[in-house]
Amino acid sequence: MTRPINLTKILGRYKKGWVALTGDSRRFIAAGSSLSQVLEVAKSKGVADPTVFKPAPVKNLFVG
């Protein structure tokens, strides 16, 4: 069974825009105001298939 990933520390400072993480959601890649901007930065960092989403204003965020 996969362990949940606590994203609170990784994403705590991002309240709006878009955020990209590695495909396994364990490492931050980029943040920006547009989806295309975040995807471009992820691609330039060698991450072809990032996990991308809009942050939600929550106190605790887990994936898994």
C-alpha atoms as a PDB file:
ATOM      1  CA  MET A   1       0.000   0.000   0.000  1.00  0.00           C
ATOM      2  CA  THR A   2       1.229   3.507  -0.846  1.00  0.00           C
ATOM      3  CA  ARG A   3       1.832   5.934   1.999  1.00  0.00           C
ATOM      4  CA  PRO A   4       0.025   9.299   1.884  1.00  0.00           C
ATOM      5  CA  ILE A   5       2.153  12.308   0.970  1.00  0.00           C
ATOM      6  CA  ASN A   6       1.831  15.392   3.172  1.00  0.00           C
ATOM      7  CA  LEU A   7       1.937  18.342   0.769  1.00  0.00           C
ATOM      8  CA  THR A   8       1.356  20.986   3.457  1.00  0.00           C
ATOM      9  CA  LYS A   9       5.045  21.944   3.761  1.00  0.00           C
ATOM     10  CA  ILE A  10       5.694  21.789   0.024  1.00  0.00           C
ATOM     11  CA  LEU A  11       2.681  23.863  -1.021  1.00  0.00           C
ATOM     12  CA  GLY A  12       2.082  26.049   2.035  1.00  0.00           C
ATOM     13  CA  ARG A  13       3.117  29.276   0.340  1.00  0.00           C
ATOM     14  CA  TYR A  14       1.156  28.799  -2.897  1.00  0.00           C
ATOM     15  CA  LYS A  15      -2.386  30.156  -2.651  1.00  0.00           C
ATOM     16  CA  LYS A  16      -3.223  30.789  -6.320  1.00  0.00           C
ATOM     17  CA  GLY A  17      -2.059  30.070  -9.841  1.00  0.00           C
ATOM     18  CA  TRP A  18      -0.718  26.676 -10.886  1.00  0.00           C
ATOM     19  CA  VAL A  19       1.763  24.305  -9.238  1.00  0.00           C
ATOM     20  CA  ALA A  20       3.729  21.441 -10.797  1.00  0.00           C
ATOM     21  CA  LEU A  21       5.180  18.498  -8.900  1.00  0.00           C
ATOM     22  CA  THR A  22       7.102  15.487 -10.101  1.00  0.00           C
ATOM     23  CA  GLY A  23       4.938  12.660 -11.403  1.00  0.00           C
ATOM     24  CA  ASP A  24       5.070  10.913  -8.013  1.00  0.00           C
ATOM     25  CA  SER A  25       4.007  14.191  -6.268  1.00  0.00           C
ATOM     26  CA  ARG A  26       7.002  14.115  -3.935  1.00  0.00           C
ATOM     27  CA  ARG A  27       9.000  17.100  -5.221  1.00  0.00           C
ATOM     28  CA  PHE A  28       8.071  20.658  -6.196  1.00  0.00           C
ATOM     29  CA  ILE A  29       8.964  21.657  -9.768  1.00  0.00           C
ATOM     30  CA  ALA A  30       7.384  25.038 -10.546  1.00  0.00           C
ATOM     31  CA  ALA A  31       4.651  27.545  -9.771  1.00  0.00           C
ATOM     32  CA  GLY A  32       3.174  30.231 -11.988  1.00  0.00           C
ATOM     33  CA  SER A  33       0.129  32.212 -12.962  1.00  0.00           C
ATOM     34  CA  SER A  34      -0.703  30.131 -16.047  1.00  0.00           C
ATOM     35  CA  LEU A  35      -0.815  26.437 -16.833  1.00  0.00           C
ATOM     36  CA  SER A  36       1.320  26.864 -19.947  1.00  0.00           C
ATOM     37  CA  GLN A  37       4.010  28.704 -17.962  1.00  0.00           C
ATOM     38  CA  VAL A  38       4.218  25.933 -15.355  1.00  0.00           C
ATOM     39  CA  LEU A  39       4.310  23.187 -17.991  1.00  0.00           C
ATOM     40  CA  GLU A  40       7.077  25.001 -19.870  1.00  0.00           C
ATOM     41  CA  VAL A  41       9.227  25.283 -16.733  1.00  0.00           C
ATOM     42  CA  ALA A  42       8.620  21.625 -15.863  1.00  0.00           C
ATOM     43  CA  LYS A  43       9.631  20.576 -19.375  1.00  0.00           C
ATOM     44  CA  SER A  44      12.786  22.721 -19.199  1.00  0.00           C
ATOM     45  CA  LYS A  45      13.687  20.931 -15.947  1.00  0.00           C
ATOM     46  CA  GLY A  46      13.323  17.540 -17.625  1.00  0.00           C
ATOM     47  CA  VAL A  47       9.946  16.592 -16.142  1.00  0.00           C
ATOM     48  CA  ALA A  48       7.875  15.435 -19.114  1.00  0.00           C
ATOM     49  CA  ASP A  49       4.747  14.374 -17.206  1.00  0.00           C
ATOM     50  CA  PRO A  50       4.336  16.509 -14.051  1.00  0.00           C
ATOM     51  CA  THR A  51       1.435  16.469 -11.628  1.00  0.00           C
ATOM     52  CA  VAL A  52      -0.168  19.898 -12.128  1.00  0.00           C
ATOM     53  CA  PHE A  53      -3.003  21.509 -10.189  1.00  0.00           C
ATOM     54  CA  LYS A  54      -4.391  24.718  -8.718  1.00  0.00           C
ATOM     55  CA  PRO A  55      -3.695  24.959  -4.983  1.00  0.00           C
ATOM     56  CA  ALA A  56      -6.650  24.963  -2.614  1.00  0.00           C
ATOM     57  CA  PRO A  57      -6.794  27.046   0.556  1.00  0.00           C
ATOM     58  CA  VAL A  58      -6.669  24.164   3.042  1.00  0.00           C
ATOM     59  CA  LYS A  59      -4.661  23.582   6.215  1.00  0.00           C
ATOM     60  CA  ASN A  60      -3.784  19.952   5.516  1.00  0.00           C
ATOM     61  CA  LEU A  61      -3.315  18.392   2.100  1.00  0.00           C
ATOM     62  CA  PHE A  62      -2.461  14.732   1.561  1.00  0.00           C
ATOM     63  CA  VAL A  63      -2.190  12.708  -1.635  1.00  0.00           C
ATOM     64  CA  GLY A  64      -2.217   8.945  -1.737  1.00  0.00           C
END
